Amino acid sequence: MNKTPPLIIQGGMGAAVSDWRLARAVSVTGQLGVVSGTALDAILARRLQVGDPGGHMRRALAAFPIPEIASRIMDRYFIEGGKAPDTRFVAKPMVSHKRSRKAEELLVASNFVEVFLAKEGHPNAVGINFLEKVQVPTIPSLYGAMLAGVDYVLMGAGI
């Protein structure tokens, strides 16, 4: 990891705006790329249902340190070749104050996937941004990001 403070911090600008590709591109240059941690559970579920073009989600899930969870997520959401255009997406479990194993597993794995892909192939720092005002998913999301080796955690929107 680069020990010099970054001159540029590319912020987590919203669900799927600051994705792993943007954060990785910034981090490769030695600056701080930041993925948005917002709604990554829904984003991963949908990326898998459209067939995971490029295989990036599957590659990251294959590296997830709890293979049973990765397998359950693949079984539930992955559609080879993608869902038919007139077919609805399979719903993800709702996050609430009542604990749900399926919801928590998807949160942990999806945050791992996004950070893993942003860090893949270079030694530089990557951060993740969470919304302070959306607190219920923060702990499982943070755990997933930590499993992938996230370097910085940024919190905003509601502080």
N, C-alpha and C. Protein backbone atom coordinates (compact mmCIF):
# COMPACT_ATOMS: atom_id res chain seq x y z
N MET A 1 0.84 -1.17 0.00
CA MET A 1 0.00 0.00 0.00
C MET A 1 0.88 1.23 0.00
N ASN A 2 0.53 2.22 -0.78
CA ASN A 2 1.24 3.48 -0.87
C ASN A 2 1.11 4.21 0.47
N LYS A 3 2.25 4.59 1.10
CA LYS A 3 2.23 5.26 2.40
C LYS A 3 2.09 6.77 2.28
N THR A 4 2.25 7.33 1.09
CA THR A 4 2.07 8.76 0.87
C THR A 4 0.58 9.07 0.82
N PRO A 5 0.13 10.08 1.58
CA PRO A 5 -1.30 10.42 1.50
C PRO A 5 -1.69 10.77 0.06
N PRO A 6 -2.87 10.35 -0.34
CA PRO A 6 -3.28 10.63 -1.72
C PRO A 6 -3.55 12.11 -1.95
N LEU A 7 -3.28 12.56 -3.16
CA LEU A 7 -3.64 13.92 -3.55
C LEU A 7 -5.11 13.98 -3.96
N ILE A 8 -5.59 12.85 -4.46
CA ILE A 8 -6.97 12.77 -4.94
C ILE A 8 -7.68 11.65 -4.18
N ILE A 9 -8.86 11.95 -3.69
CA ILE A 9 -9.75 10.93 -3.12
C ILE A 9 -11.00 10.95 -3.97
N GLN A 10 -11.15 9.91 -4.77
CA GLN A 10 -12.33 9.79 -5.62
C GLN A 10 -13.44 9.24 -4.73
N GLY A 11 -14.45 10.03 -4.50
CA GLY A 11 -15.48 9.68 -3.52
C GLY A 11 -16.44 8.62 -4.01
N GLY A 12 -17.09 7.98 -3.05
CA GLY A 12 -18.14 7.02 -3.36
C GLY A 12 -19.41 7.77 -3.70
N MET A 13 -19.69 7.94 -4.98
CA MET A 13 -20.71 8.88 -5.44
C MET A 13 -22.09 8.29 -5.65
N GLY A 14 -22.38 7.17 -5.10
CA GLY A 14 -23.72 6.62 -5.25
C GLY A 14 -23.69 5.20 -5.80
N ALA A 15 -24.80 4.52 -5.61
CA ALA A 15 -24.91 3.12 -6.00
C ALA A 15 -24.54 2.92 -7.46
N ALA A 16 -23.53 2.10 -7.70
CA ALA A 16 -23.05 1.71 -9.03
C ALA A 16 -22.47 2.86 -9.84
N VAL A 17 -22.35 4.06 -9.26
CA VAL A 17 -21.65 5.15 -9.94
C VAL A 17 -20.16 4.99 -9.66
N SER A 18 -19.81 4.93 -8.38
CA SER A 18 -18.42 4.66 -7.99
C SER A 18 -18.28 3.15 -7.83
N ASP A 19 -18.21 2.47 -8.94
CA ASP A 19 -18.10 1.01 -8.86
C ASP A 19 -16.64 0.60 -8.81
N TRP A 20 -16.41 -0.70 -8.81
CA TRP A 20 -15.06 -1.22 -8.67
C TRP A 20 -14.15 -0.80 -9.82
N ARG A 21 -14.71 -0.63 -11.01
CA ARG A 21 -13.88 -0.24 -12.15
C ARG A 21 -13.30 1.16 -11.97
N LEU A 22 -14.14 2.11 -11.56
CA LEU A 22 -13.67 3.48 -11.34
C LEU A 22 -12.68 3.53 -10.18
N ALA A 23 -13.03 2.91 -9.07
CA ALA A 23 -12.14 2.92 -7.91
C ALA A 23 -10.80 2.27 -8.24
N ARG A 24 -10.82 1.19 -8.98
CA ARG A 24 -9.58 0.52 -9.36
C ARG A 24 -8.74 1.41 -10.26
N ALA A 25 -9.37 2.06 -11.24
CA ALA A 25 -8.63 2.95 -12.16
C ALA A 25 -7.95 4.08 -11.40
N VAL A 26 -8.61 4.63 -10.40
CA VAL A 26 -8.02 5.70 -9.60
C VAL A 26 -6.90 5.15 -8.71
N SER A 27 -7.14 4.02 -8.07
CA SER A 27 -6.15 3.44 -7.17
C SER A 27 -4.88 3.00 -7.89
N VAL A 28 -5.02 2.49 -9.09
CA VAL A 28 -3.85 2.07 -9.87
C VAL A 28 -2.87 3.23 -10.07
N THR A 29 -3.39 4.46 -10.13
CA THR A 29 -2.53 5.63 -10.32
C THR A 29 -1.86 6.08 -9.02
N GLY A 30 -2.17 5.43 -7.90
CA GLY A 30 -1.60 5.80 -6.62
C GLY A 30 -2.47 6.73 -5.80
N GLN A 31 -3.64 7.05 -6.29
CA GLN A 31 -4.57 7.89 -5.55
C GLN A 31 -5.59 6.99 -4.85
N LEU A 32 -6.51 7.57 -4.11
CA LEU A 32 -7.46 6.76 -3.35
C LEU A 32 -8.77 6.59 -4.12
N GLY A 33 -8.96 5.41 -4.67
CA GLY A 33 -10.22 5.05 -5.30
C GLY A 33 -11.17 4.53 -4.25
N VAL A 34 -12.42 4.95 -4.34
CA VAL A 34 -13.42 4.60 -3.33
C VAL A 34 -14.65 4.02 -4.03
N VAL A 35 -15.05 2.83 -3.60
CA VAL A 35 -16.29 2.25 -4.11
C VAL A 35 -17.45 2.71 -3.24
N SER A 36 -18.59 2.85 -3.84
CA SER A 36 -19.80 3.13 -3.08
C SER A 36 -20.28 1.83 -2.45
N GLY A 37 -20.55 1.87 -1.16
CA GLY A 37 -21.06 0.70 -0.47
C GLY A 37 -22.58 0.64 -0.46
N THR A 38 -23.22 1.52 -1.19
CA THR A 38 -24.68 1.61 -1.19
C THR A 38 -25.31 0.54 -2.09
N ALA A 39 -26.21 -0.22 -1.54
CA ALA A 39 -27.04 -1.19 -2.27
C ALA A 39 -26.23 -2.24 -3.03
N LEU A 40 -25.03 -2.57 -2.53
CA LEU A 40 -24.23 -3.57 -3.24
C LEU A 40 -24.89 -4.94 -3.25
N ASP A 41 -25.73 -5.23 -2.28
CA ASP A 41 -26.45 -6.50 -2.28
C ASP A 41 -27.36 -6.60 -3.51
N ALA A 42 -28.11 -5.54 -3.78
CA ALA A 42 -28.99 -5.53 -4.95
C ALA A 42 -28.18 -5.52 -6.25
N ILE A 43 -27.09 -4.79 -6.25
CA ILE A 43 -26.26 -4.68 -7.46
C ILE A 43 -25.65 -6.03 -7.81
N LEU A 44 -25.08 -6.73 -6.82
CA LEU A 44 -24.51 -8.05 -7.09
C LEU A 44 -25.59 -9.01 -7.58
N ALA A 45 -26.73 -9.04 -6.91
CA ALA A 45 -27.80 -9.96 -7.32
C ALA A 45 -28.21 -9.70 -8.77
N ARG A 46 -28.31 -8.46 -9.15
CA ARG A 46 -28.72 -8.13 -10.53
C ARG A 46 -27.61 -8.41 -11.54
N ARG A 47 -26.38 -8.11 -11.18
CA ARG A 47 -25.27 -8.41 -12.10
C ARG A 47 -25.22 -9.91 -12.39
N LEU A 48 -25.46 -10.72 -11.38
CA LEU A 48 -25.47 -12.17 -11.59
C LEU A 48 -26.66 -12.60 -12.45
N GLN A 49 -27.80 -11.97 -12.26
CA GLN A 49 -28.99 -12.36 -13.01
C GLN A 49 -28.94 -11.96 -14.48
N VAL A 50 -28.12 -10.97 -14.80
CA VAL A 50 -27.96 -10.62 -16.22
C VAL A 50 -26.81 -11.41 -16.84
N GLY A 51 -26.32 -12.42 -16.12
CA GLY A 51 -25.34 -13.34 -16.68
C GLY A 51 -23.90 -13.02 -16.35
N ASP A 52 -23.65 -11.98 -15.56
CA ASP A 52 -22.28 -11.62 -15.18
C ASP A 52 -21.36 -11.51 -16.38
N PRO A 53 -21.64 -10.57 -17.30
CA PRO A 53 -20.76 -10.39 -18.46
C PRO A 53 -19.33 -10.12 -18.00
N GLY A 54 -18.40 -10.83 -18.58
CA GLY A 54 -16.99 -10.70 -18.20
C GLY A 54 -16.58 -11.63 -17.08
N GLY A 55 -17.54 -12.18 -16.36
CA GLY A 55 -17.24 -13.14 -15.29
C GLY A 55 -16.62 -12.54 -14.03
N HIS A 56 -16.68 -11.23 -13.88
CA HIS A 56 -16.01 -10.59 -12.75
C HIS A 56 -16.64 -10.95 -11.41
N MET A 57 -17.96 -10.99 -11.34
CA MET A 57 -18.63 -11.32 -10.08
C MET A 57 -18.30 -12.75 -9.67
N ARG A 58 -18.33 -13.66 -10.64
CA ARG A 58 -18.02 -15.06 -10.34
C ARG A 58 -16.57 -15.22 -9.90
N ARG A 59 -15.65 -14.48 -10.53
CA ARG A 59 -14.23 -14.56 -10.16
C ARG A 59 -14.05 -14.09 -8.71
N ALA A 60 -14.70 -13.00 -8.36
CA ALA A 60 -14.58 -12.48 -6.99
C ALA A 60 -15.25 -13.43 -5.99
N LEU A 61 -16.41 -13.95 -6.33
CA LEU A 61 -17.07 -14.90 -5.43
C LEU A 61 -16.24 -16.17 -5.24
N ALA A 62 -15.50 -16.57 -6.26
CA ALA A 62 -14.62 -17.74 -6.14
C ALA A 62 -13.51 -17.48 -5.13
N ALA A 63 -13.15 -16.22 -4.91
CA ALA A 63 -12.12 -15.85 -3.94
C ALA A 63 -12.69 -15.58 -2.55
N PHE A 64 -14.02 -15.56 -2.42
CA PHE A 64 -14.65 -15.27 -1.13
C PHE A 64 -14.25 -16.34 -0.13
N PRO A 65 -13.84 -15.94 1.09
CA PRO A 65 -13.29 -16.92 2.04
C PRO A 65 -14.29 -17.88 2.67
N ILE A 66 -15.57 -17.71 2.38
CA ILE A 66 -16.58 -18.64 2.91
C ILE A 66 -17.31 -19.22 1.70
N PRO A 67 -16.77 -20.30 1.12
CA PRO A 67 -17.30 -20.81 -0.15
C PRO A 67 -18.76 -21.23 -0.09
N GLU A 68 -19.24 -21.67 1.07
CA GLU A 68 -20.64 -22.08 1.17
C GLU A 68 -21.58 -20.91 0.91
N ILE A 69 -21.21 -19.74 1.39
CA ILE A 69 -22.03 -18.55 1.16
C ILE A 69 -22.00 -18.18 -0.31
N ALA A 70 -20.80 -18.18 -0.90
CA ALA A 70 -20.67 -17.86 -2.33
C ALA A 70 -21.51 -18.82 -3.16
N SER A 71 -21.50 -20.09 -2.80
CA SER A 71 -22.26 -21.10 -3.53
C SER A 71 -23.76 -20.84 -3.43
N ARG A 72 -24.23 -20.50 -2.24
CA ARG A 72 -25.66 -20.21 -2.07
C ARG A 72 -26.08 -18.99 -2.90
N ILE A 73 -25.24 -17.99 -2.94
CA ILE A 73 -25.55 -16.78 -3.72
C ILE A 73 -25.57 -17.11 -5.21
N MET A 74 -24.60 -17.87 -5.67
CA MET A 74 -24.57 -18.27 -7.08
C MET A 74 -25.81 -19.08 -7.43
N ASP A 75 -26.17 -20.03 -6.58
CA ASP A 75 -27.34 -20.86 -6.84
C ASP A 75 -28.63 -20.03 -6.91
N ARG A 76 -28.72 -19.03 -6.08
CA ARG A 76 -29.95 -18.23 -6.02
C ARG A 76 -30.05 -17.21 -7.16
N TYR A 77 -28.92 -16.60 -7.55
CA TYR A 77 -29.00 -15.44 -8.44
C TYR A 77 -28.39 -15.61 -9.83
N PHE A 78 -27.40 -16.47 -9.99
CA PHE A 78 -26.72 -16.51 -11.29
C PHE A 78 -27.58 -17.18 -12.35
N ILE A 79 -27.68 -16.52 -13.51
CA ILE A 79 -28.39 -17.07 -14.66
C ILE A 79 -27.42 -17.06 -15.83
N GLU A 80 -27.01 -18.25 -16.25
CA GLU A 80 -26.09 -18.38 -17.39
C GLU A 80 -26.72 -17.72 -18.62
N GLY A 81 -25.99 -16.81 -19.24
CA GLY A 81 -26.49 -16.11 -20.42
C GLY A 81 -27.43 -14.96 -20.10
N GLY A 82 -27.82 -14.83 -18.85
CA GLY A 82 -28.67 -13.72 -18.43
C GLY A 82 -30.15 -14.05 -18.51
N LYS A 83 -30.92 -13.36 -17.71
CA LYS A 83 -32.36 -13.56 -17.70
C LYS A 83 -32.97 -13.04 -19.00
N ALA A 84 -34.11 -13.55 -19.35
CA ALA A 84 -34.83 -13.05 -20.52
C ALA A 84 -35.26 -11.61 -20.26
N PRO A 85 -35.26 -10.77 -21.29
CA PRO A 85 -35.61 -9.35 -21.10
C PRO A 85 -36.99 -9.12 -20.48
N ASP A 86 -37.92 -10.02 -20.73
CA ASP A 86 -39.27 -9.84 -20.19
C ASP A 86 -39.47 -10.53 -18.83
N THR A 87 -38.39 -11.05 -18.26
CA THR A 87 -38.46 -11.73 -16.97
C THR A 87 -38.06 -10.77 -15.86
N ARG A 88 -38.78 -10.83 -14.76
CA ARG A 88 -38.46 -9.98 -13.61
C ARG A 88 -37.21 -10.48 -12.90
N PHE A 89 -36.51 -9.56 -12.25
CA PHE A 89 -35.38 -9.95 -11.42
C PHE A 89 -35.88 -10.70 -10.19
N VAL A 90 -35.10 -11.68 -9.74
CA VAL A 90 -35.39 -12.35 -8.48
C VAL A 90 -35.10 -11.34 -7.37
N ALA A 91 -36.04 -11.18 -6.47
CA ALA A 91 -35.88 -10.20 -5.39
C ALA A 91 -34.82 -10.67 -4.40
N LYS A 92 -34.11 -9.72 -3.87
CA LYS A 92 -33.16 -10.00 -2.79
C LYS A 92 -33.90 -9.85 -1.47
N PRO A 93 -33.39 -10.45 -0.40
CA PRO A 93 -34.05 -10.27 0.90
C PRO A 93 -33.94 -8.82 1.36
N MET A 94 -35.00 -8.34 1.98
CA MET A 94 -35.01 -6.97 2.50
C MET A 94 -34.15 -6.90 3.76
N VAL A 95 -33.40 -5.82 3.86
CA VAL A 95 -32.61 -5.57 5.06
C VAL A 95 -33.50 -4.86 6.06
N SER A 96 -33.50 -5.35 7.30
CA SER A 96 -34.28 -4.69 8.34
C SER A 96 -33.58 -4.92 9.68
N HIS A 97 -34.13 -4.34 10.72
CA HIS A 97 -33.55 -4.52 12.05
C HIS A 97 -33.71 -5.97 12.54
N LYS A 98 -34.59 -6.74 11.92
CA LYS A 98 -34.72 -8.16 12.25
C LYS A 98 -33.69 -8.92 11.43
N ARG A 99 -32.84 -9.65 12.08
CA ARG A 99 -31.74 -10.32 11.40
C ARG A 99 -32.25 -11.37 10.41
N SER A 100 -31.58 -11.42 9.27
CA SER A 100 -31.89 -12.39 8.23
C SER A 100 -30.57 -12.93 7.69
N ARG A 101 -30.39 -14.23 7.82
CA ARG A 101 -29.15 -14.84 7.36
C ARG A 101 -28.91 -14.58 5.87
N LYS A 102 -29.95 -14.74 5.05
CA LYS A 102 -29.80 -14.52 3.61
C LYS A 102 -29.40 -13.08 3.31
N ALA A 103 -30.03 -12.14 3.97
CA ALA A 103 -29.71 -10.72 3.75
C ALA A 103 -28.29 -10.41 4.19
N GLU A 104 -27.90 -10.91 5.35
CA GLU A 104 -26.56 -10.63 5.86
C GLU A 104 -25.49 -11.29 4.99
N GLU A 105 -25.73 -12.51 4.54
CA GLU A 105 -24.75 -13.18 3.67
C GLU A 105 -24.56 -12.40 2.37
N LEU A 106 -25.65 -11.93 1.80
CA LEU A 106 -25.55 -11.18 0.55
C LEU A 106 -24.83 -9.85 0.77
N LEU A 107 -25.07 -9.19 1.89
CA LEU A 107 -24.37 -7.95 2.21
C LEU A 107 -22.87 -8.19 2.37
N VAL A 108 -22.50 -9.20 3.13
CA VAL A 108 -21.08 -9.50 3.35
C VAL A 108 -20.41 -9.83 2.02
N ALA A 109 -21.00 -10.74 1.26
CA ALA A 109 -20.39 -11.17 0.00
C ALA A 109 -20.33 -10.05 -1.03
N SER A 110 -21.37 -9.25 -1.13
CA SER A 110 -21.38 -8.20 -2.16
C SER A 110 -20.35 -7.12 -1.87
N ASN A 111 -20.15 -6.78 -0.62
CA ASN A 111 -19.13 -5.79 -0.28
C ASN A 111 -17.73 -6.37 -0.47
N PHE A 112 -17.56 -7.65 -0.17
CA PHE A 112 -16.30 -8.31 -0.48
C PHE A 112 -16.01 -8.23 -1.97
N VAL A 113 -16.99 -8.58 -2.78
CA VAL A 113 -16.82 -8.61 -4.24
C VAL A 113 -16.37 -7.25 -4.77
N GLU A 114 -17.04 -6.19 -4.36
CA GLU A 114 -16.74 -4.86 -4.90
C GLU A 114 -15.34 -4.41 -4.52
N VAL A 115 -14.95 -4.63 -3.26
CA VAL A 115 -13.61 -4.23 -2.81
C VAL A 115 -12.55 -5.14 -3.42
N PHE A 116 -12.80 -6.44 -3.45
CA PHE A 116 -11.85 -7.38 -4.05
C PHE A 116 -11.52 -6.98 -5.48
N LEU A 117 -12.55 -6.69 -6.27
CA LEU A 117 -12.32 -6.33 -7.67
C LEU A 117 -11.59 -4.99 -7.80
N ALA A 118 -11.89 -4.04 -6.92
CA ALA A 118 -11.20 -2.75 -6.96
C ALA A 118 -9.73 -2.89 -6.60
N LYS A 119 -9.39 -3.86 -5.74
CA LYS A 119 -8.00 -4.06 -5.29
C LYS A 119 -7.22 -5.02 -6.18
N GLU A 120 -7.92 -5.73 -7.02
CA GLU A 120 -7.30 -6.80 -7.81
C GLU A 120 -6.18 -6.28 -8.71
N GLY A 121 -5.02 -6.91 -8.61
CA GLY A 121 -3.93 -6.66 -9.55
C GLY A 121 -3.05 -5.45 -9.26
N HIS A 122 -3.19 -4.83 -8.10
CA HIS A 122 -2.31 -3.71 -7.74
C HIS A 122 -2.21 -3.63 -6.21
N PRO A 123 -1.15 -2.98 -5.70
CA PRO A 123 -0.95 -2.92 -4.25
C PRO A 123 -1.49 -1.66 -3.56
N ASN A 124 -2.16 -0.80 -4.29
CA ASN A 124 -2.54 0.50 -3.75
C ASN A 124 -3.85 0.47 -2.96
N ALA A 125 -4.07 1.54 -2.23
CA ALA A 125 -5.22 1.62 -1.32
C ALA A 125 -6.54 1.77 -2.06
N VAL A 126 -7.56 1.17 -1.46
CA VAL A 126 -8.95 1.28 -1.93
C VAL A 126 -9.81 1.55 -0.70
N GLY A 127 -10.78 2.44 -0.86
CA GLY A 127 -11.71 2.73 0.22
C GLY A 127 -13.13 2.35 -0.15
N ILE A 128 -13.99 2.40 0.84
CA ILE A 128 -15.42 2.18 0.62
C ILE A 128 -16.18 3.27 1.37
N ASN A 129 -17.26 3.72 0.78
CA ASN A 129 -18.08 4.78 1.36
C ASN A 129 -19.45 4.22 1.74
N PHE A 130 -19.84 4.41 2.99
CA PHE A 130 -21.15 4.00 3.46
C PHE A 130 -21.97 5.23 3.83
N LEU A 131 -23.27 5.09 3.72
CA LEU A 131 -24.19 6.16 4.12
C LEU A 131 -24.45 6.05 5.63
N GLU A 132 -24.14 7.07 6.36
CA GLU A 132 -24.37 7.07 7.80
C GLU A 132 -25.86 6.95 8.11
N LYS A 133 -26.69 7.55 7.27
CA LYS A 133 -28.13 7.56 7.54
C LYS A 133 -28.80 6.21 7.26
N VAL A 134 -28.10 5.29 6.64
CA VAL A 134 -28.62 3.94 6.39
C VAL A 134 -27.76 2.99 7.22
N GLN A 135 -28.12 2.80 8.48
CA GLN A 135 -27.23 2.13 9.42
C GLN A 135 -27.37 0.62 9.50
N VAL A 136 -28.54 0.10 9.24
CA VAL A 136 -28.77 -1.34 9.46
C VAL A 136 -27.79 -2.22 8.68
N PRO A 137 -27.49 -1.95 7.41
CA PRO A 137 -26.58 -2.85 6.70
C PRO A 137 -25.09 -2.58 6.94
N THR A 138 -24.75 -1.58 7.75
CA THR A 138 -23.35 -1.16 7.85
C THR A 138 -22.43 -2.26 8.38
N ILE A 139 -22.77 -2.93 9.46
CA ILE A 139 -21.85 -3.91 10.06
C ILE A 139 -21.57 -5.09 9.12
N PRO A 140 -22.59 -5.77 8.57
CA PRO A 140 -22.24 -6.86 7.64
C PRO A 140 -21.53 -6.35 6.39
N SER A 141 -21.88 -5.16 5.93
CA SER A 141 -21.21 -4.59 4.76
C SER A 141 -19.75 -4.30 5.06
N LEU A 142 -19.49 -3.72 6.22
CA LEU A 142 -18.12 -3.43 6.63
C LEU A 142 -17.31 -4.71 6.78
N TYR A 143 -17.92 -5.75 7.34
CA TYR A 143 -17.24 -7.03 7.49
C TYR A 143 -16.81 -7.58 6.13
N GLY A 144 -17.70 -7.53 5.15
CA GLY A 144 -17.35 -8.01 3.81
C GLY A 144 -16.22 -7.21 3.20
N ALA A 145 -16.26 -5.88 3.36
CA ALA A 145 -15.18 -5.03 2.85
C ALA A 145 -13.86 -5.35 3.54
N MET A 146 -13.92 -5.60 4.84
CA MET A 146 -12.70 -5.94 5.58
C MET A 146 -12.14 -7.28 5.13
N LEU A 147 -13.00 -8.25 4.86
CA LEU A 147 -12.52 -9.54 4.36
C LEU A 147 -11.74 -9.38 3.05
N ALA A 148 -12.09 -8.37 2.27
CA ALA A 148 -11.40 -8.11 1.00
C ALA A 148 -10.19 -7.21 1.18
N GLY A 149 -9.93 -6.74 2.40
CA GLY A 149 -8.75 -5.92 2.65
C GLY A 149 -8.93 -4.44 2.39
N VAL A 150 -10.13 -3.91 2.58
CA VAL A 150 -10.36 -2.48 2.37
C VAL A 150 -9.38 -1.68 3.23
N ASP A 151 -8.88 -0.58 2.69
CA ASP A 151 -7.88 0.22 3.38
C ASP A 151 -8.47 1.41 4.12
N TYR A 152 -9.55 1.97 3.60
CA TYR A 152 -10.18 3.15 4.20
C TYR A 152 -11.69 2.97 4.17
N VAL A 153 -12.34 3.48 5.22
CA VAL A 153 -13.80 3.51 5.27
C VAL A 153 -14.22 4.96 5.43
N LEU A 154 -15.06 5.41 4.53
CA LEU A 154 -15.57 6.78 4.57
C LEU A 154 -17.06 6.70 4.90
N MET A 155 -17.52 7.63 5.73
CA MET A 155 -18.94 7.68 6.10
C MET A 155 -19.44 9.09 5.86
N GLY A 156 -20.62 9.20 5.30
CA GLY A 156 -21.21 10.51 5.07
C GLY A 156 -22.70 10.39 4.92
N ALA A 157 -23.32 11.41 4.39
CA ALA A 157 -24.77 11.46 4.13
C ALA A 157 -25.56 11.18 5.38
N GLY A 158 -25.68 12.18 6.19
CA GLY A 158 -26.50 12.05 7.38
C GLY A 158 -25.76 12.34 8.66
N ILE A 159 -24.47 12.57 8.57
CA ILE A 159 -23.69 12.86 9.78
C ILE A 159 -24.00 14.26 10.25
